[in-house]
PDB file of N, CA and C in Angstrom:
ATOM      1  N   MET A   1       0.928  -1.114  -0.158  1.00  0.00           N
ATOM      2  CA  MET A   1      -0.188   0.133   0.125  1.00  0.00           C
ATOM      3  C   MET A   1       0.762   1.474   0.248  1.00  0.00           C
ATOM      4  N   ARG A   2       0.500   1.973  -0.727  1.00  0.00           N
ATOM      5  CA  ARG A   2       1.321   3.701  -1.162  1.00  0.00           C
ATOM      6  C   ARG A   2       0.984   4.430  -0.074  1.00  0.00           C
ATOM      7  N   LEU A   3       1.585   4.996   0.927  1.00  0.00           N
ATOM      8  CA  LEU A   3       1.546   5.841   1.668  1.00  0.00           C
ATOM      9  C   LEU A   3       1.574   7.183   1.250  1.00  0.00           C
ATOM     10  N   GLN A   4       0.167   8.100   1.708  1.00  0.00           N
ATOM     11  CA  GLN A   4      -0.006   9.308   1.062  1.00  0.00           C
ATOM     12  C   GLN A   4       0.535  10.036   1.587  1.00  0.00           C
ATOM     13  N   GLU A   5       0.835  11.366   1.412  1.00  0.00           N
ATOM     14  CA  GLU A   5       1.679  12.305   1.684  1.00  0.00           C
ATOM     15  C   GLU A   5       1.566  12.876   3.428  1.00  0.00           C
ATOM     16  N   SER A   6       0.273  12.847   3.286  1.00  0.00           N
ATOM     17  CA  SER A   6      -0.779  12.902   4.992  1.00  0.00           C
ATOM     18  C   SER A   6      -0.126  11.589   5.861  1.00  0.00           C
ATOM     19  N   GLY A   7       0.436  10.789   5.025  1.00  0.00           N
ATOM     20  CA  GLY A   7       0.154   9.428   6.404  1.00  0.00           C
ATOM     21  C   GLY A   7       1.885  10.058   6.627  1.00  0.00           C
ATOM     22  N   GLU A   8       2.701  10.167   5.673  1.00  0.00           N
ATOM     23  CA  GLU A   8       4.160  10.110   5.530  1.00  0.00           C
ATOM     24  C   GLU A   8       4.293  11.493   6.756  1.00  0.00           C
ATOM     25  N   MET A   9       3.745  12.830   6.645  1.00  0.00           N
ATOM     26  CA  MET A   9       3.818  13.515   7.732  1.00  0.00           C
ATOM     27  C   MET A   9       3.600  13.310   8.790  1.00  0.00           C
ATOM     28  N   TYR A  10       2.358  12.517   9.077  1.00  0.00           N
ATOM     29  CA  TYR A  10       1.966  11.946  10.242  1.00  0.00           C
ATOM     30  C   TYR A  10       3.301  11.014  10.908  1.00  0.00           C
ATOM     31  N   LEU A  11       4.254  10.218   9.939  1.00  0.00           N
ATOM     32  CA  LEU A  11       4.864   9.138  10.751  1.00  0.00           C
ATOM     33  C   LEU A  11       6.395  10.052  11.061  1.00  0.00           C
ATOM     34  N   GLU A  12       6.633  11.484  10.078  1.00  0.00           N
ATOM     35  CA  GLU A  12       7.699  12.341  10.446  1.00  0.00           C
ATOM     36  C   GLU A  12       7.417  12.858  12.321  1.00  0.00           C
ATOM     37  N   THR A  13       6.322  13.542  11.999  1.00  0.00           N
ATOM     38  CA  THR A  13       6.118  14.248  13.544  1.00  0.00           C
ATOM     39  C   THR A  13       5.992  13.251  14.469  1.00  0.00           C
ATOM     40  N   ILE A  14       5.661  12.005  14.683  1.00  0.00           N
ATOM     41  CA  ILE A  14       6.470  10.572  15.298  1.00  0.00           C
ATOM     42  C   ILE A  14       7.137  10.850  16.023  1.00  0.00           C
ATOM     43  N   TYR A  15       8.113  10.677  14.751  1.00  0.00           N
ATOM     44  CA  TYR A  15       9.845  10.175  14.584  1.00  0.00           C
ATOM     45  C   TYR A  15      10.205  11.748  15.597  1.00  0.00           C
ATOM     46  N   VAL A  16      10.139  12.401  14.871  1.00  0.00           N
ATOM     47  CA  VAL A  16      10.590  13.743  15.383  1.00  0.00           C
ATOM     48  C   VAL A  16      10.163  14.129  16.991  1.00  0.00           C
ATOM     49  N   LEU A  17       8.810  13.824  17.419  1.00  0.00           N
ATOM     50  CA  LEU A  17       8.255  13.863  18.551  1.00  0.00           C
ATOM     51  C   LEU A  17       9.561  12.371  19.917  1.00  0.00           C
ATOM     52  N   SER A  18       9.441  11.733  18.981  1.00  0.00           N
ATOM     53  CA  SER A  18      10.071  10.728  19.771  1.00  0.00           C
ATOM     54  C   SER A  18      11.406  10.869  20.006  1.00  0.00           C
ATOM     55  N   LYS A  19      11.955  11.749  19.022  1.00  0.00           N
ATOM     56  CA  LYS A  19      13.496  11.957  19.307  1.00  0.00           C
ATOM     57  C   LYS A  19      13.094  12.691  20.800  1.00  0.00           C
ATOM     58  N   GLN A  20      12.720  13.561  20.827  1.00  0.00           N
ATOM     59  CA  GLN A  20      12.388  14.405  22.259  1.00  0.00           C
ATOM     60  C   GLN A  20      11.736  13.769  23.529  1.00  0.00           C
ATOM     61  N   SER A  21      11.150  12.699  23.172  1.00  0.00           N
ATOM     62  CA  SER A  21      10.318  12.332  24.397  1.00  0.00           C
ATOM     63  C   SER A  21      10.038  10.579  24.005  1.00  0.00           C
ATOM     64  N   ALA A  22      10.361   9.653  25.244  1.00  0.00           N
ATOM     65  CA  ALA A  22       9.975   8.400  24.940  1.00  0.00           C
ATOM     66  C   ALA A  22       8.056   8.516  24.837  1.00  0.00           C
ATOM     67  N   ASN A  23       7.766   8.934  25.304  1.00  0.00           N
ATOM     68  CA  ASN A  23       6.052   8.577  25.181  1.00  0.00           C
ATOM     69  C   ASN A  23       5.536   9.926  24.139  1.00  0.00           C
ATOM     70  N   VAL A  24       4.895   9.781  23.408  1.00  0.00           N
ATOM     71  CA  VAL A  24       4.645  10.277  22.039  1.00  0.00           C
ATOM     72  C   VAL A  24       2.939   9.741  21.999  1.00  0.00           C
ATOM     73  N   HIS A  25       2.447  10.588  22.257  1.00  0.00           N
ATOM     74  CA  HIS A  25       0.707  10.435  22.256  1.00  0.00           C
ATOM     75  C   HIS A  25      -0.311  10.946  21.307  1.00  0.00           C
ATOM     76  N   SER A  26      -1.376  10.810  20.887  1.00  0.00           N
ATOM     77  CA  SER A  26      -1.573  11.462  19.683  1.00  0.00           C
ATOM     78  C   SER A  26      -1.803  12.805  20.086  1.00  0.00           C
ATOM     79  N   ILE A  27      -2.194  13.157  21.070  1.00  0.00           N
ATOM     80  CA  ILE A  27      -2.461  14.600  21.083  1.00  0.00           C
ATOM     81  C   ILE A  27      -1.313  15.442  21.094  1.00  0.00           C
ATOM     82  N   ASP A  28      -0.286  14.831  21.129  1.00  0.00           N
ATOM     83  CA  ASP A  28       1.032  15.607  21.112  1.00  0.00           C
ATOM     84  C   ASP A  28       1.373  15.614  19.286  1.00  0.00           C
ATOM     85  N   VAL A  29       1.154  14.531  18.569  1.00  0.00           N
ATOM     86  CA  VAL A  29       0.744  15.045  17.045  1.00  0.00           C
ATOM     87  C   VAL A  29       0.378  15.623  16.678  1.00  0.00           C
ATOM     88  N   GLY A  30      -1.414  15.883  17.573  1.00  0.00           N
ATOM     89  CA  GLY A  30      -2.251  16.944  16.849  1.00  0.00           C
ATOM     90  C   GLY A  30      -1.570  18.427  17.327  1.00  0.00           C
ATOM     91  N   GLU A  31      -1.047  18.689  18.344  1.00  0.00           N
ATOM     92  CA  GLU A  31      -0.473  20.112  18.697  1.00  0.00           C
ATOM     93  C   GLU A  31       0.293  20.319  17.710  1.00  0.00           C
ATOM     94  N   TYR A  32       1.308  19.638  17.904  1.00  0.00           N
ATOM     95  CA  TYR A  32       2.713  19.705  17.245  1.00  0.00           C
ATOM     96  C   TYR A  32       2.082  20.012  15.395  1.00  0.00           C
ATOM     97  N   MET A  33       1.466  19.558  15.032  1.00  0.00           N
ATOM     98  CA  MET A  33       0.337  19.652  13.624  1.00  0.00           C
ATOM     99  C   MET A  33      -0.379  20.635  13.149  1.00  0.00           C
ATOM    100  N   GLY A  34      -0.893  20.738  14.762  1.00  0.00           N
ATOM    101  CA  GLY A  34      -2.175  21.868  14.286  1.00  0.00           C
ATOM    102  C   GLY A  34      -3.527  21.280  13.831  1.00  0.00           C
ATOM    103  N   TYR A  35      -3.764  20.055  13.817  1.00  0.00           N
ATOM    104  CA  TYR A  35      -4.774  19.056  13.465  1.00  0.00           C
ATOM    105  C   TYR A  35      -5.619  18.707  14.750  1.00  0.00           C
ATOM    106  N   SER A  36      -7.146  18.558  14.465  1.00  0.00           N
ATOM    107  CA  SER A  36      -8.202  18.002  15.092  1.00  0.00           C
ATOM    108  C   SER A  36      -7.691  17.056  15.884  1.00  0.00           C
ATOM    109  N   LYS A  37      -8.245  16.742  17.595  1.00  0.00           N
ATOM    110  CA  LYS A  37      -8.119  15.343  18.013  1.00  0.00           C
ATOM    111  C   LYS A  37      -9.342  14.278  16.800  1.00  0.00           C
ATOM    112  N   PRO A  38     -10.222  14.422  16.513  1.00  0.00           N
ATOM    113  CA  PRO A  38     -10.751  13.403  15.143  1.00  0.00           C
ATOM    114  C   PRO A  38      -9.713  13.331  14.141  1.00  0.00           C
ATOM    115  N   SER A  39      -9.121  14.089  13.250  1.00  0.00           N
ATOM    116  CA  SER A  39      -8.405  13.872  12.431  1.00  0.00           C
ATOM    117  C   SER A  39      -7.320  13.133  12.887  1.00  0.00           C
ATOM    118  N   VAL A  40      -6.649  13.617  14.026  1.00  0.00           N
ATOM    119  CA  VAL A  40      -5.116  12.712  14.325  1.00  0.00           C
ATOM    120  C   VAL A  40      -5.684  11.314  14.738  1.00  0.00           C
ATOM    121  N   SER A  41      -6.693  11.076  15.045  1.00  0.00           N
ATOM    122  CA  SER A  41      -7.865   9.742  15.388  1.00  0.00           C
ATOM    123  C   SER A  41      -7.514   8.912  14.555  1.00  0.00           C
ATOM    124  N   ARG A  42      -8.015   9.148  13.523  1.00  0.00           N
ATOM    125  CA  ARG A  42      -8.571   8.604  12.437  1.00  0.00           C
ATOM    126  C   ARG A  42      -7.218   8.042  11.693  1.00  0.00           C
ATOM    127  N   ALA A  43      -6.465   9.009  11.695  1.00  0.00           N
ATOM    128  CA  ALA A  43      -4.752   9.027  10.962  1.00  0.00           C
ATOM    129  C   ALA A  43      -4.442   8.163  11.276  1.00  0.00           C
ATOM    130  N   MET A  44      -4.239   7.897  12.843  1.00  0.00           N
ATOM    131  CA  MET A  44      -3.127   6.866  13.840  1.00  0.00           C
ATOM    132  C   MET A  44      -3.880   5.846  13.498  1.00  0.00           C
ATOM    133  N   GLY A  45      -5.062   5.862  13.189  1.00  0.00           N
ATOM    134  CA  GLY A  45      -6.430   4.124  13.088  1.00  0.00           C
ATOM    135  C   GLY A  45      -5.917   3.232  11.874  1.00  0.00           C
ATOM    136  N   LEU A  46      -5.602   4.639  10.971  1.00  0.00           N
ATOM    137  CA  LEU A  46      -4.982   4.065   9.317  1.00  0.00           C
ATOM    138  C   LEU A  46      -3.509   3.622   9.493  1.00  0.00           C
ATOM    139  N   LEU A  47      -2.664   4.282  10.155  1.00  0.00           N
ATOM    140  CA  LEU A  47      -1.887   4.016  10.234  1.00  0.00           C
ATOM    141  C   LEU A  47      -1.056   2.585  10.716  1.00  0.00           C
ATOM    142  N   LYS A  48      -1.933   2.440  12.293  1.00  0.00           N
ATOM    143  CA  LYS A  48      -2.094   0.943  13.067  1.00  0.00           C
ATOM    144  C   LYS A  48      -2.430   0.251  12.282  1.00  0.00           C
ATOM    145  N   ASN A  49      -3.479   0.417  11.387  1.00  0.00           N
ATOM    146  CA  ASN A  49      -4.277  -0.952  10.383  1.00  0.00           C
ATOM    147  C   ASN A  49      -3.065  -1.342   9.382  1.00  0.00           C
ATOM    148  N   GLY A  50      -2.111   0.124   8.785  1.00  0.00           N
ATOM    149  CA  GLY A  50      -1.207  -0.348   7.876  1.00  0.00           C
ATOM    150  C   GLY A  50      -0.131  -0.962   8.076  1.00  0.00           C
ATOM    151  N   GLY A  51       0.055  -1.185   9.330  1.00  0.00           N
ATOM    152  CA  GLY A  51       1.096  -1.502   9.964  1.00  0.00           C
ATOM    153  C   GLY A  51       2.458  -0.881  10.265  1.00  0.00           C
ATOM    154  N   TYR A  52       2.434   0.588  10.352  1.00  0.00           N
ATOM    155  CA  TYR A  52       3.073   1.590  10.260  1.00  0.00           C
ATOM    156  C   TYR A  52       3.747   1.719  12.018  1.00  0.00           C
ATOM    157  N   ILE A  53       2.425   2.418  12.805  1.00  0.00           N
ATOM    158  CA  ILE A  53       2.585   2.470  13.799  1.00  0.00           C
ATOM    159  C   ILE A  53       2.214   1.230  14.545  1.00  0.00           C
ATOM    160  N   ASN A  54       2.642   1.163  16.256  1.00  0.00           N
ATOM    161  CA  ASN A  54       1.935   0.436  17.094  1.00  0.00           C
ATOM    162  C   ASN A  54       1.355   1.653  18.173  1.00  0.00           C
ATOM    163  N   MET A  55       0.196   1.031  19.239  1.00  0.00           N
ATOM    164  CA  MET A  55      -0.248   1.959  19.885  1.00  0.00           C
ATOM    165  C   MET A  55      -0.800   1.424  21.425  1.00  0.00           C
ATOM    166  N   ALA A  56       0.216   1.354  22.347  1.00  0.00           N
ATOM    167  CA  ALA A  56       0.266   0.822  23.375  1.00  0.00           C
ATOM    168  C   ALA A  56      -1.435   1.236  24.216  1.00  0.00           C
ATOM    169  N   ALA A  57      -1.474   0.152  25.030  1.00  0.00           N
ATOM    170  CA  ALA A  57      -2.934   0.225  26.006  1.00  0.00           C
ATOM    171  C   ALA A  57      -2.864   1.624  26.588  1.00  0.00           C
ATOM    172  N   ASP A  58      -1.793   2.569  26.980  1.00  0.00           N
ATOM    173  CA  ASP A  58      -1.964   3.418  27.156  1.00  0.00           C
ATOM    174  C   ASP A  58      -1.776   4.769  26.284  1.00  0.00           C
ATOM    175  N   GLY A  59      -1.824   4.581  24.940  1.00  0.00           N
ATOM    176  CA  GLY A  59      -1.952   5.741  23.879  1.00  0.00           C
ATOM    177  C   GLY A  59      -0.915   5.733  23.681  1.00  0.00           C
ATOM    178  N   THR A  60       0.493   5.623  24.195  1.00  0.00           N
ATOM    179  CA  THR A  60       1.904   5.460  23.532  1.00  0.00           C
ATOM    180  C   THR A  60       1.885   5.296  22.016  1.00  0.00           C
ATOM    181  N   LEU A  61       2.251   6.093  21.217  1.00  0.00           N
ATOM    182  CA  LEU A  61       2.593   5.483  19.994  1.00  0.00           C
ATOM    183  C   LEU A  61       4.167   5.397  19.616  1.00  0.00           C
ATOM    184  N   THR A  62       4.222   4.102  19.207  1.00  0.00           N
ATOM    185  CA  THR A  62       6.082   4.042  18.582  1.00  0.00           C
ATOM    186  C   THR A  62       5.595   3.252  16.916  1.00  0.00           C
ATOM    187  N   LEU A  63       6.843   3.565  16.513  1.00  0.00           N
ATOM    188  CA  LEU A  63       6.699   3.374  15.246  1.00  0.00           C
ATOM    189  C   LEU A  63       7.280   1.757  14.693  1.00  0.00           C
ATOM    190  N   THR A  64       6.797   1.269  13.595  1.00  0.00           N
ATOM    191  CA  THR A  64       7.505  -0.100  13.611  1.00  0.00           C
ATOM    192  C   THR A  64       8.416  -0.183  12.945  1.00  0.00           C
ATOM    193  N   GLU A  65       9.090  -1.194  12.346  1.00  0.00           N
ATOM    194  CA  GLU A  65      10.246  -0.788  11.709  1.00  0.00           C
ATOM    195  C   GLU A  65       9.814  -0.463   9.957  1.00  0.00           C
ATOM    196  N   LEU A  66       8.881  -0.415   9.646  1.00  0.00           N
ATOM    197  CA  LEU A  66       8.403   0.028   8.749  1.00  0.00           C
ATOM    198  C   LEU A  66       8.335   1.567   8.441  1.00  0.00           C
ATOM    199  N   GLY A  67       7.214   1.741   9.577  1.00  0.00           N
ATOM    200  CA  GLY A  67       7.437   3.312   9.901  1.00  0.00           C
ATOM    201  C   GLY A  67       8.341   4.206  10.163  1.00  0.00           C
ATOM    202  N   ARG A  68       9.366   3.388  10.901  1.00  0.00           N
ATOM    203  CA  ARG A  68      10.751   4.445  10.855  1.00  0.00           C
ATOM    204  C   ARG A  68      11.473   4.398  10.124  1.00  0.00           C
ATOM    205  N   GLU A  69      11.000   3.256   9.151  1.00  0.00           N
ATOM    206  CA  GLU A  69      11.839   3.533   7.818  1.00  0.00           C
ATOM    207  C   GLU A  69      11.486   4.165   6.783  1.00  0.00           C
ATOM    208  N   ILE A  70      10.594   4.916   6.555  1.00  0.00           N
ATOM    209  CA  ILE A  70       9.643   5.835   6.403  1.00  0.00           C
ATOM    210  C   ILE A  70      10.252   7.302   6.765  1.00  0.00           C
ATOM    211  N   ALA A  71       9.669   7.301   8.032  1.00  0.00           N
ATOM    212  CA  ALA A  71       9.637   8.252   8.595  1.00  0.00           C
ATOM    213  C   ALA A  71      11.598   9.035   8.161  1.00  0.00           C
ATOM    214  N   GLU A  72      11.909   8.047   9.026  1.00  0.00           N
ATOM    215  CA  GLU A  72      13.356   8.390   8.480  1.00  0.00           C
ATOM    216  C   GLU A  72      13.909   9.052   7.099  1.00  0.00           C
ATOM    217  N   LYS A  73      13.251   8.464   6.400  1.00  0.00           N
ATOM    218  CA  LYS A  73      13.290   9.185   4.905  1.00  0.00           C
ATOM    219  C   LYS A  73      12.829  10.554   4.482  1.00  0.00           C
ATOM    220  N   ILE A  74      11.796  10.413   5.038  1.00  0.00           N
ATOM    221  CA  ILE A  74      11.511  11.856   4.841  1.00  0.00           C
ATOM    222  C   ILE A  74      12.052  12.898   5.781  1.00  0.00           C
ATOM    223  N   TYR A  75      12.482  12.605   7.351  1.00  0.00           N
ATOM    224  CA  TYR A  75      13.083  13.681   7.836  1.00  0.00           C
ATOM    225  C   TYR A  75      14.352  13.458   7.263  1.00  0.00           C
ATOM    226  N   GLU A  76      14.779  12.890   6.668  1.00  0.00           N
ATOM    227  CA  GLU A  76      16.344  13.402   5.767  1.00  0.00           C
ATOM    228  C   GLU A  76      15.869  14.347   4.299  1.00  0.00           C
ATOM    229  N   ARG A  77      15.078  13.679   3.586  1.00  0.00           N
ATOM    230  CA  ARG A  77      14.858  14.797   3.036  1.00  0.00           C
ATOM    231  C   ARG A  77      14.446  15.848   3.146  1.00  0.00           C
ATOM    232  N   HIS A  78      13.743  16.004   4.475  1.00  0.00           N
ATOM    233  CA  HIS A  78      13.240  17.583   5.071  1.00  0.00           C
ATOM    234  C   HIS A  78      14.834  18.204   5.140  1.00  0.00           C
ATOM    235  N   THR A  79      15.720  17.742   6.008  1.00  0.00           N
ATOM    236  CA  THR A  79      16.785  18.020   6.572  1.00  0.00           C
ATOM    237  C   THR A  79      17.595  18.809   5.291  1.00  0.00           C
ATOM    238  N   VAL A  80      18.004  17.930   4.490  1.00  0.00           N
ATOM    239  CA  VAL A  80      18.863  18.145   3.319  1.00  0.00           C
ATOM    240  C   VAL A  80      18.239  19.233   2.279  1.00  0.00           C
ATOM    241  N   LEU A  81      16.895  19.168   2.422  1.00  0.00           N
ATOM    242  CA  LEU A  81      16.179  20.294   1.523  1.00  0.00           C
ATOM    243  C   LEU A  81      16.300  21.563   1.853  1.00  0.00           C
ATOM    244  N   THR A  82      15.611  21.485   3.296  1.00  0.00           N
ATOM    245  CA  THR A  82      15.958  22.812   4.301  1.00  0.00           C
ATOM    246  C   THR A  82      17.446  23.328   4.011  1.00  0.00           C
ATOM    247  N   ALA A  83      18.464  22.136   4.447  1.00  0.00           N
ATOM    248  CA  ALA A  83      20.002  22.897   4.041  1.00  0.00           C
ATOM    249  C   ALA A  83      20.353  23.435   2.892  1.00  0.00           C
ATOM    250  N   MET A  84      19.709  23.057   1.947  1.00  0.00           N
ATOM    251  CA  MET A  84      20.125  23.648   0.541  1.00  0.00           C
ATOM    252  C   MET A  84      19.140  24.637   0.134  1.00  0.00           C
ATOM    253  N   LEU A  85      18.501  24.829   0.215  1.00  0.00           N
ATOM    254  CA  LEU A  85      17.520  26.257   0.416  1.00  0.00           C
ATOM    255  C   LEU A  85      18.496  26.739   1.396  1.00  0.00           C
ATOM    256  N   VAL A  86      18.480  26.399   2.012  1.00  0.00           N
ATOM    257  CA  VAL A  86      19.312  27.851   3.016  1.00  0.00           C
ATOM    258  C   VAL A  86      20.429  28.532   2.394  1.00  0.00           C
ATOM    259  N   SER A  87      21.296  27.355   2.071  1.00  0.00           N
ATOM    260  CA  SER A  87      22.940  27.532   1.396  1.00  0.00           C
ATOM    261  C   SER A  87      22.333  28.553   0.654  1.00  0.00           C
ATOM    262  N   LEU A  88      21.175  28.795  -0.155  1.00  0.00           N
ATOM    263  CA  LEU A  88      20.850  29.500  -1.664  1.00  0.00           C
ATOM    264  C   LEU A  88      20.190  31.032  -0.896  1.00  0.00           C
ATOM    265  N   GLY A  89      20.315  30.587   0.378  1.00  0.00           N
ATOM    266  CA  GLY A  89      20.215  32.274   0.831  1.00  0.00           C
ATOM    267  C   GLY A  89      18.738  32.335   1.212  1.00  0.00           C
ATOM    268  N   VAL A  90      17.627  31.440   0.890  1.00  0.00           N
ATOM    269  CA  VAL A  90      16.358  31.274   1.961  1.00  0.00           C
ATOM    270  C   VAL A  90      16.340  31.098   3.281  1.00  0.00           C
ATOM    271  N   ASP A  91      15.507  32.378   3.796  1.00  0.00           N
ATOM    272  CA  ASP A  91      15.313  32.439   5.258  1.00  0.00           C
ATOM    273  C   ASP A  91      15.072  30.856   5.947  1.00  0.00           C
ATOM    274  N   GLU A  92      15.024  30.609   6.889  1.00  0.00           N
ATOM    275  CA  GLU A  92      15.306  29.244   7.296  1.00  0.00           C
ATOM    276  C   GLU A  92      13.525  28.619   7.406  1.00  0.00           C
ATOM    277  N   GLU A  93      12.555  29.484   8.114  1.00  0.00           N
ATOM    278  CA  GLU A  93      11.334  29.447   8.096  1.00  0.00           C
ATOM    279  C   GLU A  93      10.876  29.177   6.698  1.00  0.00           C
ATOM    280  N   THR A  94      10.914  29.654   5.933  1.00  0.00           N
ATOM    281  CA  THR A  94      10.629  29.487   4.563  1.00  0.00           C
ATOM    282  C   THR A  94      11.300  28.115   4.086  1.00  0.00           C
ATOM    283  N   ALA A  95      12.577  28.211   4.258  1.00  0.00           N
ATOM    284  CA  ALA A  95      13.385  27.067   3.639  1.00  0.00           C
ATOM    285  C   ALA A  95      12.556  25.677   4.468  1.00  0.00           C
ATOM    286  N   SER A  96      12.637  25.700   5.421  1.00  0.00           N
ATOM    287  CA  SER A  96      11.440  24.538   5.834  1.00  0.00           C
ATOM    288  C   SER A  96      10.002  24.192   5.315  1.00  0.00           C
ATOM    289  N   GLU A  97       9.213  25.497   5.694  1.00  0.00           N
ATOM    290  CA  GLU A  97       7.997  25.359   4.819  1.00  0.00           C
ATOM    291  C   GLU A  97       8.179  24.899   3.501  1.00  0.00           C
ATOM    292  N   ASP A  98       9.011  25.242   2.737  1.00  0.00           N
ATOM    293  CA  ASP A  98       9.120  24.712   1.320  1.00  0.00           C
ATOM    294  C   ASP A  98      10.040  22.855   1.137  1.00  0.00           C
ATOM    295  N   ALA A  99      10.515  22.871   1.950  1.00  0.00           N
ATOM    296  CA  ALA A  99      11.114  21.560   2.251  1.00  0.00           C
ATOM    297  C   ALA A  99      10.165  20.654   2.158  1.00  0.00           C
ATOM    298  N   CYS A 100       9.387  20.839   3.316  1.00  0.00           N
ATOM    299  CA  CYS A 100       8.485  20.466   3.561  1.00  0.00           C
ATOM    300  C   CYS A 100       7.267  19.921   2.740  1.00  0.00           C
ATOM    301  N   ARG A 101       7.068  20.508   1.736  1.00  0.00           N
ATOM    302  CA  ARG A 101       6.116  20.271   0.354  1.00  0.00           C
ATOM    303  C   ARG A 101       7.083  19.721  -0.784  1.00  0.00           C
ATOM    304  N   LEU A 102       8.663  19.916  -0.705  1.00  0.00           N
ATOM    305  CA  LEU A 102       9.292  19.631  -1.591  1.00  0.00           C
ATOM    306  C   LEU A 102       9.701  17.661  -1.227  1.00  0.00           C
ATOM    307  N   GLU A 103       9.384  17.717  -0.005  1.00  0.00           N
ATOM    308  CA  GLU A 103      10.286  16.195   0.363  1.00  0.00           C
ATOM    309  C   GLU A 103       9.419  15.181   0.060  1.00  0.00           C
ATOM    310  N   HIS A 104       8.167  15.322  -0.085  1.00  0.00           N
ATOM    311  CA  HIS A 104       7.176  14.238  -0.615  1.00  0.00           C
ATOM    312  C   HIS A 104       7.172  13.783  -2.191  1.00  0.00           C
ATOM    313  N   ALA A 105       8.036  14.697  -2.841  1.00  0.00           N
ATOM    314  CA  ALA A 105       7.601  14.708  -4.445  1.00  0.00           C
ATOM    315  C   ALA A 105       8.821  14.734  -5.048  1.00  0.00           C
ATOM    316  N   ILE A 106       9.883  14.627  -4.614  1.00  0.00           N
ATOM    317  CA  ILE A 106      11.411  14.936  -5.142  1.00  0.00           C
ATOM    318  C   ILE A 106      11.752  13.218  -5.077  1.00  0.00           C
ATOM    319  N   SER A 107      12.069  13.067  -6.258  1.00  0.00           N
ATOM    320  CA  SER A 107      12.771  11.588  -6.342  1.00  0.00           C
ATOM    321  C   SER A 107      14.042  10.712  -5.560  1.00  0.00           C
ATOM    322  N   ASP A 108      13.962   9.678  -5.640  1.00  0.00           N
ATOM    323  CA  ASP A 108      15.143   9.812  -4.660  1.00  0.00           C
ATOM    324  C   ASP A 108      16.673  10.206  -5.498  1.00  0.00           C
ATOM    325  N   LYS A 109      16.658   9.818  -7.062  1.00  0.00           N
ATOM    326  CA  LYS A 109      17.479  10.023  -7.619  1.00  0.00           C
ATOM    327  C   LYS A 109      18.240  11.515  -7.479  1.00  0.00           C
ATOM    328  N   SER A 110      17.020  12.734  -7.710  1.00  0.00           N
ATOM    329  CA  SER A 110      17.217  13.831  -7.008  1.00  0.00           C
ATOM    330  C   SER A 110      17.662  14.118  -6.140  1.00  0.00           C
ATOM    331  N   LEU A 111      17.241  13.874  -4.953  1.00  0.00           N
ATOM    332  CA  LEU A 111      17.887  13.552  -3.939  1.00  0.00           C
ATOM    333  C   LEU A 111      19.634  13.441  -3.302  1.00  0.00           C
ATOM    334  N   GLU A 112      19.931  12.172  -4.244  1.00  0.00           N
ATOM    335  CA  GLU A 112      21.212  11.714  -3.985  1.00  0.00           C
ATOM    336  C   GLU A 112      21.846  12.623  -4.801  1.00  0.00           C
ATOM    337  N   ALA A 113      21.315  13.311  -5.744  1.00  0.00           N
ATOM    338  CA  ALA A 113      22.279  14.072  -6.578  1.00  0.00           C
ATOM    339  C   ALA A 113      22.657  15.494  -5.825  1.00  0.00           C
ATOM    340  N   ILE A 114      21.868  15.558  -4.934  1.00  0.00           N
ATOM    341  CA  ILE A 114      21.709  16.962  -4.014  1.00  0.00           C
ATOM    342  C   ILE A 114      22.792  16.825  -2.966  1.00  0.00           C
ATOM    343  N   LYS A 115      22.631  15.567  -2.270  1.00  0.00           N
ATOM    344  CA  LYS A 115      23.543  14.913  -1.552  1.00  0.00           C
ATOM    345  C   LYS A 115      25.053  14.922  -1.610  1.00  0.00           C
ATOM    346  N   ARG A 116      24.983  14.872  -2.812  1.00  0.00           N
ATOM    347  CA  ARG A 116      26.279  14.241  -3.493  1.00  0.00           C
ATOM    348  C   ARG A 116      27.039  15.761  -4.051  1.00  0.00           C
ATOM    349  N   HIS A 117      26.480  16.784  -4.186  1.00  0.00           N
ATOM    350  CA  HIS A 117      26.604  18.109  -4.480  1.00  0.00           C
ATOM    351  C   HIS A 117      26.778  18.731  -3.443  1.00  0.00           C
ATOM    352  N   PHE A 118      25.935  18.566  -2.416  1.00  0.00           N
ATOM    353  CA  PHE A 118      26.336  19.579  -1.656  1.00  0.00           C
ATOM    354  C   PHE A 118      27.654  18.874  -0.819  1.00  0.00           C
ATOM    355  N   LYS A 119      28.116  17.294  -0.910  1.00  0.00           N
ATOM    356  CA  LYS A 119      29.170  17.035  -0.017  1.00  0.00           C
ATOM    357  C   LYS A 119      30.647  17.219  -0.866  1.00  0.00           C
ATOM    358  N   GLU A 120      30.489  17.440  -2.227  1.00  0.00           N
ATOM    359  CA  GLU A 120      31.556  18.127  -2.923  1.00  0.00           C
ATOM    360  C   GLU A 120      31.606  19.417  -2.967  1.00  0.00           C
ATOM    361  N   GLN A 121      30.837  20.077  -2.595  1.00  0.00           N
ATOM    362  CA  GLN A 121      30.892  21.782  -2.345  1.00  0.00           C
ATOM    363  C   GLN A 121      31.881  21.847  -0.518  1.00  0.00           C
ATOM    364  N   THR A 122      31.502  20.847   0.308  1.00  0.00           N
ATOM    365  CA  THR A 122      31.942  20.776   1.485  1.00  0.00           C
ATOM    366  C   THR A 122      33.727  20.678   1.494  1.00  0.00           C
ATOM    367  N   GLU A 123      33.854  19.502   0.538  1.00  0.00           N
ATOM    368  CA  GLU A 123      35.025  18.987   0.311  1.00  0.00           C
ATOM    369  C   GLU A 123      36.285  19.895  -0.523  1.00  0.00           C
ATOM    370  N   ILE A 124      35.550  21.098  -0.755  1.00  0.00           N
ATOM    371  CA  ILE A 124      36.724  22.009  -1.360  1.00  0.00           C
ATOM    372  C   ILE A 124      37.179  22.709  -0.421  1.00  0.00           C
TER     373      ILE A 124
END
């Protein structure tokens, strides 16, 4: 099953929040993303049924291996694209917002080319 952009965003959010705290709950995800409880609840159900997250009895969310793999990929895309845009002179906030949109559309091939380019630039 191909995960939609919104699903990728939820996984990335759980990943980011889990780096800050061991206990991530749906309410934390909703607050971070600015989404309503019903929207988050529905998304968590879909992600759980899809095998991307686990939900403990106390409501703690954890990423499955598949969920973590996708979240790490999206997070890396976000950080690389943000850094690229900032290096081109875009302010941090705009760069992060634009990277958020680009991270779901860019191909692996293009992202690898960007990473290679920036690695070469830093070696000079």
